[in-house]
Amino acid sequence: MTDLNFPHVIVKGSGQMLNIASVEEASAFLAEGWPVQDGPKFRAANLACLGGLGGSVSSDDVRSAFIGAAKEAGIYVWETTGESR
């Protein structure tokens, strides 16, 4: 079974800080909390999440795509070092 967890990323969404630590959480935030449903990195992150859920994309690659999309959208994002899962 594929590990869907990754080192957490903190983002600011809807006025609160959110801890995103899995492919499922990243996918849900992209679908429900994203301010702009457009952009190449947004689309890439969605595809990465689908691949992650399907087992063809690693959780670390999903995390990287999610961070890139957050930066593209101007969402505050704080990346952890990834030392613990």
N, C-alpha and C. Protein backbone atom coordinates (compact mmCIF):
# COMPACT_ATOMS: atom_id res chain seq x y z
N MET A 1 0.83 -1.18 0.00
CA MET A 1 0.00 0.00 0.00
C MET A 1 0.89 1.25 0.00
N THR A 2 0.47 2.26 -0.74
CA THR A 2 1.23 3.50 -0.85
C THR A 2 1.01 4.37 0.39
N ASP A 3 2.10 4.95 0.88
CA ASP A 3 2.02 5.87 2.02
C ASP A 3 1.54 7.22 1.49
N LEU A 4 0.40 7.68 1.95
CA LEU A 4 -0.17 8.93 1.47
C LEU A 4 0.19 10.12 2.35
N ASN A 5 0.96 9.89 3.41
CA ASN A 5 1.37 10.98 4.30
C ASN A 5 2.66 11.61 3.81
N PHE A 6 2.85 12.88 4.17
CA PHE A 6 4.10 13.57 3.89
C PHE A 6 4.39 14.55 5.01
N PRO A 7 5.64 15.05 5.10
CA PRO A 7 5.95 16.04 6.13
C PRO A 7 5.02 17.24 6.00
N HIS A 8 4.41 17.63 7.08
CA HIS A 8 3.34 18.62 7.01
C HIS A 8 3.80 19.97 6.45
N VAL A 9 2.82 20.63 5.87
CA VAL A 9 2.95 21.97 5.30
C VAL A 9 1.87 22.80 5.98
N ILE A 10 2.22 23.98 6.43
CA ILE A 10 1.22 24.86 7.05
C ILE A 10 0.84 25.92 6.04
N VAL A 11 -0.46 26.07 5.82
CA VAL A 11 -0.97 27.08 4.90
C VAL A 11 -2.02 27.91 5.62
N LYS A 12 -2.25 29.11 5.10
CA LYS A 12 -3.30 29.95 5.64
C LYS A 12 -4.48 29.88 4.70
N GLY A 13 -5.59 29.39 5.23
CA GLY A 13 -6.80 29.26 4.44
C GLY A 13 -8.00 29.72 5.22
N SER A 14 -8.84 30.54 4.62
CA SER A 14 -10.05 31.05 5.27
C SER A 14 -9.75 31.70 6.61
N GLY A 15 -8.64 32.43 6.69
CA GLY A 15 -8.31 33.15 7.91
C GLY A 15 -7.69 32.32 9.01
N GLN A 16 -7.46 31.05 8.77
CA GLN A 16 -6.86 30.20 9.81
C GLN A 16 -5.69 29.43 9.24
N MET A 17 -4.81 29.01 10.11
CA MET A 17 -3.66 28.22 9.70
C MET A 17 -4.08 26.75 9.66
N LEU A 18 -3.74 26.08 8.59
CA LEU A 18 -4.10 24.67 8.42
C LEU A 18 -2.84 23.84 8.26
N ASN A 19 -2.86 22.66 8.83
CA ASN A 19 -1.76 21.71 8.76
C ASN A 19 -2.13 20.65 7.72
N ILE A 20 -1.43 20.64 6.59
CA ILE A 20 -1.69 19.68 5.52
C ILE A 20 -0.58 18.64 5.56
N ALA A 21 -0.94 17.37 5.79
CA ALA A 21 0.07 16.34 6.00
C ALA A 21 -0.18 15.05 5.22
N SER A 22 -1.06 15.12 4.21
CA SER A 22 -1.32 13.91 3.42
C SER A 22 -1.86 14.29 2.05
N VAL A 23 -1.81 13.32 1.16
CA VAL A 23 -2.36 13.53 -0.17
C VAL A 23 -3.85 13.86 -0.08
N GLU A 24 -4.56 13.17 0.79
CA GLU A 24 -5.99 13.41 0.95
C GLU A 24 -6.28 14.84 1.40
N GLU A 25 -5.51 15.32 2.38
CA GLU A 25 -5.71 16.68 2.89
C GLU A 25 -5.36 17.71 1.83
N ALA A 26 -4.30 17.48 1.08
CA ALA A 26 -3.92 18.40 0.02
C ALA A 26 -5.01 18.45 -1.05
N SER A 27 -5.52 17.31 -1.42
CA SER A 27 -6.57 17.23 -2.43
C SER A 27 -7.83 17.96 -1.97
N ALA A 28 -8.21 17.76 -0.72
CA ALA A 28 -9.40 18.42 -0.18
C ALA A 28 -9.22 19.93 -0.14
N PHE A 29 -8.04 20.41 0.26
CA PHE A 29 -7.81 21.84 0.32
C PHE A 29 -7.81 22.46 -1.08
N LEU A 30 -7.23 21.75 -2.05
CA LEU A 30 -7.26 22.24 -3.43
C LEU A 30 -8.70 22.36 -3.93
N ALA A 31 -9.55 21.42 -3.54
CA ALA A 31 -10.94 21.41 -4.00
C ALA A 31 -11.83 22.39 -3.26
N GLU A 32 -11.57 22.58 -1.97
CA GLU A 32 -12.51 23.33 -1.14
C GLU A 32 -11.99 24.66 -0.60
N GLY A 33 -10.67 24.83 -0.49
CA GLY A 33 -10.17 26.03 0.16
C GLY A 33 -9.33 26.93 -0.72
N TRP A 34 -9.19 26.56 -1.97
CA TRP A 34 -8.31 27.30 -2.86
C TRP A 34 -8.96 28.59 -3.33
N PRO A 35 -8.24 29.71 -3.27
CA PRO A 35 -8.86 31.00 -3.63
C PRO A 35 -9.12 31.17 -5.12
N VAL A 36 -8.27 30.59 -5.97
CA VAL A 36 -8.41 30.73 -7.42
C VAL A 36 -8.28 29.36 -8.05
N GLN A 37 -9.32 28.91 -8.72
CA GLN A 37 -9.33 27.57 -9.31
C GLN A 37 -8.71 27.58 -10.71
N ASP A 38 -7.50 28.12 -10.81
CA ASP A 38 -6.84 28.22 -12.10
C ASP A 38 -5.34 28.34 -11.91
N GLY A 39 -4.61 28.18 -12.98
CA GLY A 39 -3.16 28.31 -12.95
C GLY A 39 -2.50 26.98 -13.26
N PRO A 40 -1.34 27.02 -13.92
CA PRO A 40 -0.67 25.77 -14.30
C PRO A 40 -0.22 24.93 -13.10
N LYS A 41 0.24 25.57 -12.04
CA LYS A 41 0.68 24.80 -10.87
C LYS A 41 -0.51 24.26 -10.09
N PHE A 42 -1.63 24.98 -10.11
CA PHE A 42 -2.86 24.47 -9.50
C PHE A 42 -3.30 23.19 -10.22
N ARG A 43 -3.31 23.24 -11.55
CA ARG A 43 -3.70 22.06 -12.33
C ARG A 43 -2.72 20.91 -12.11
N ALA A 44 -1.41 21.23 -12.06
CA ALA A 44 -0.41 20.19 -11.82
C ALA A 44 -0.58 19.55 -10.45
N ALA A 45 -0.91 20.36 -9.45
CA ALA A 45 -1.11 19.82 -8.10
C ALA A 45 -2.34 18.91 -8.06
N ASN A 46 -3.39 19.29 -8.76
CA ASN A 46 -4.57 18.43 -8.81
C ASN A 46 -4.25 17.10 -9.47
N LEU A 47 -3.51 17.15 -10.57
CA LEU A 47 -3.12 15.90 -11.23
C LEU A 47 -2.21 15.07 -10.35
N ALA A 48 -1.30 15.72 -9.63
CA ALA A 48 -0.42 15.00 -8.71
C ALA A 48 -1.23 14.32 -7.61
N CYS A 49 -2.22 15.02 -7.08
CA CYS A 49 -3.06 14.42 -6.04
C CYS A 49 -3.81 13.20 -6.57
N LEU A 50 -4.35 13.32 -7.77
CA LEU A 50 -5.04 12.16 -8.36
C LEU A 50 -4.07 10.99 -8.53
N GLY A 51 -2.87 11.29 -9.00
CA GLY A 51 -1.86 10.25 -9.13
C GLY A 51 -1.45 9.68 -7.79
N GLY A 52 -1.35 10.54 -6.78
CA GLY A 52 -1.00 10.08 -5.44
C GLY A 52 -2.05 9.15 -4.87
N LEU A 53 -3.31 9.52 -5.06
CA LEU A 53 -4.40 8.68 -4.58
C LEU A 53 -4.44 7.36 -5.33
N GLY A 54 -4.04 7.39 -6.60
CA GLY A 54 -4.04 6.18 -7.41
C GLY A 54 -2.77 5.35 -7.29
N GLY A 55 -1.77 5.89 -6.61
CA GLY A 55 -0.54 5.14 -6.38
C GLY A 55 0.54 5.34 -7.42
N SER A 56 0.33 6.24 -8.39
CA SER A 56 1.34 6.42 -9.43
C SER A 56 2.26 7.61 -9.20
N VAL A 57 1.95 8.44 -8.18
CA VAL A 57 2.77 9.61 -7.83
C VAL A 57 3.10 9.51 -6.35
N SER A 58 4.35 9.74 -6.00
CA SER A 58 4.75 9.64 -4.59
C SER A 58 4.16 10.79 -3.77
N SER A 59 4.00 10.55 -2.49
CA SER A 59 3.46 11.59 -1.62
C SER A 59 4.40 12.79 -1.56
N ASP A 60 5.70 12.56 -1.67
CA ASP A 60 6.65 13.68 -1.69
C ASP A 60 6.49 14.54 -2.94
N ASP A 61 6.20 13.90 -4.07
CA ASP A 61 5.95 14.67 -5.30
C ASP A 61 4.64 15.45 -5.20
N VAL A 62 3.64 14.86 -4.55
CA VAL A 62 2.38 15.58 -4.34
C VAL A 62 2.64 16.80 -3.46
N ARG A 63 3.41 16.62 -2.40
CA ARG A 63 3.74 17.72 -1.50
C ARG A 63 4.43 18.86 -2.25
N SER A 64 5.39 18.52 -3.08
CA SER A 64 6.10 19.54 -3.85
C SER A 64 5.16 20.28 -4.80
N ALA A 65 4.28 19.55 -5.47
CA ALA A 65 3.32 20.18 -6.38
C ALA A 65 2.36 21.07 -5.60
N PHE A 66 1.93 20.63 -4.42
CA PHE A 66 1.03 21.41 -3.59
C PHE A 66 1.69 22.72 -3.15
N ILE A 67 2.93 22.65 -2.73
CA ILE A 67 3.67 23.84 -2.30
C ILE A 67 3.82 24.81 -3.47
N GLY A 68 4.15 24.30 -4.63
CA GLY A 68 4.28 25.15 -5.81
C GLY A 68 2.98 25.85 -6.15
N ALA A 69 1.88 25.13 -6.05
CA ALA A 69 0.57 25.72 -6.34
C ALA A 69 0.21 26.78 -5.31
N ALA A 70 0.54 26.52 -4.05
CA ALA A 70 0.25 27.51 -3.00
C ALA A 70 1.02 28.80 -3.26
N LYS A 71 2.28 28.66 -3.61
CA LYS A 71 3.08 29.85 -3.91
C LYS A 71 2.53 30.59 -5.12
N GLU A 72 2.13 29.85 -6.14
CA GLU A 72 1.55 30.45 -7.34
C GLU A 72 0.30 31.26 -7.00
N ALA A 73 -0.51 30.74 -6.07
CA ALA A 73 -1.77 31.39 -5.70
C ALA A 73 -1.60 32.49 -4.66
N GLY A 74 -0.38 32.68 -4.15
CA GLY A 74 -0.14 33.69 -3.14
C GLY A 74 -0.62 33.29 -1.76
N ILE A 75 -0.75 31.99 -1.55
CA ILE A 75 -1.17 31.47 -0.24
C ILE A 75 0.06 31.38 0.64
N TYR A 76 -0.06 31.87 1.87
CA TYR A 76 1.04 31.72 2.82
C TYR A 76 1.29 30.24 3.02
N VAL A 77 2.55 29.83 2.90
CA VAL A 77 2.91 28.43 3.10
C VAL A 77 4.21 28.36 3.87
N TRP A 78 4.23 27.49 4.87
CA TRP A 78 5.45 27.23 5.65
C TRP A 78 5.75 25.76 5.52
N GLU A 79 6.94 25.46 5.00
CA GLU A 79 7.36 24.08 4.78
C GLU A 79 8.17 23.58 5.97
N THR A 80 7.87 22.38 6.42
CA THR A 80 8.66 21.76 7.47
C THR A 80 9.90 21.14 6.85
N THR A 81 10.81 20.72 7.68
CA THR A 81 12.06 20.12 7.19
C THR A 81 11.84 18.70 6.69
N GLY A 82 10.80 18.05 7.12
CA GLY A 82 10.53 16.69 6.68
C GLY A 82 11.24 15.64 7.48
N GLU A 83 11.77 15.99 8.64
CA GLU A 83 12.51 15.02 9.45
C GLU A 83 11.62 13.99 10.12
N SER A 84 10.37 14.35 10.39
CA SER A 84 9.47 13.39 11.02
C SER A 84 8.18 13.31 10.24
N ARG A 85 7.57 12.16 10.28
CA ARG A 85 6.31 11.97 9.57
C ARG A 85 5.24 11.67 10.57
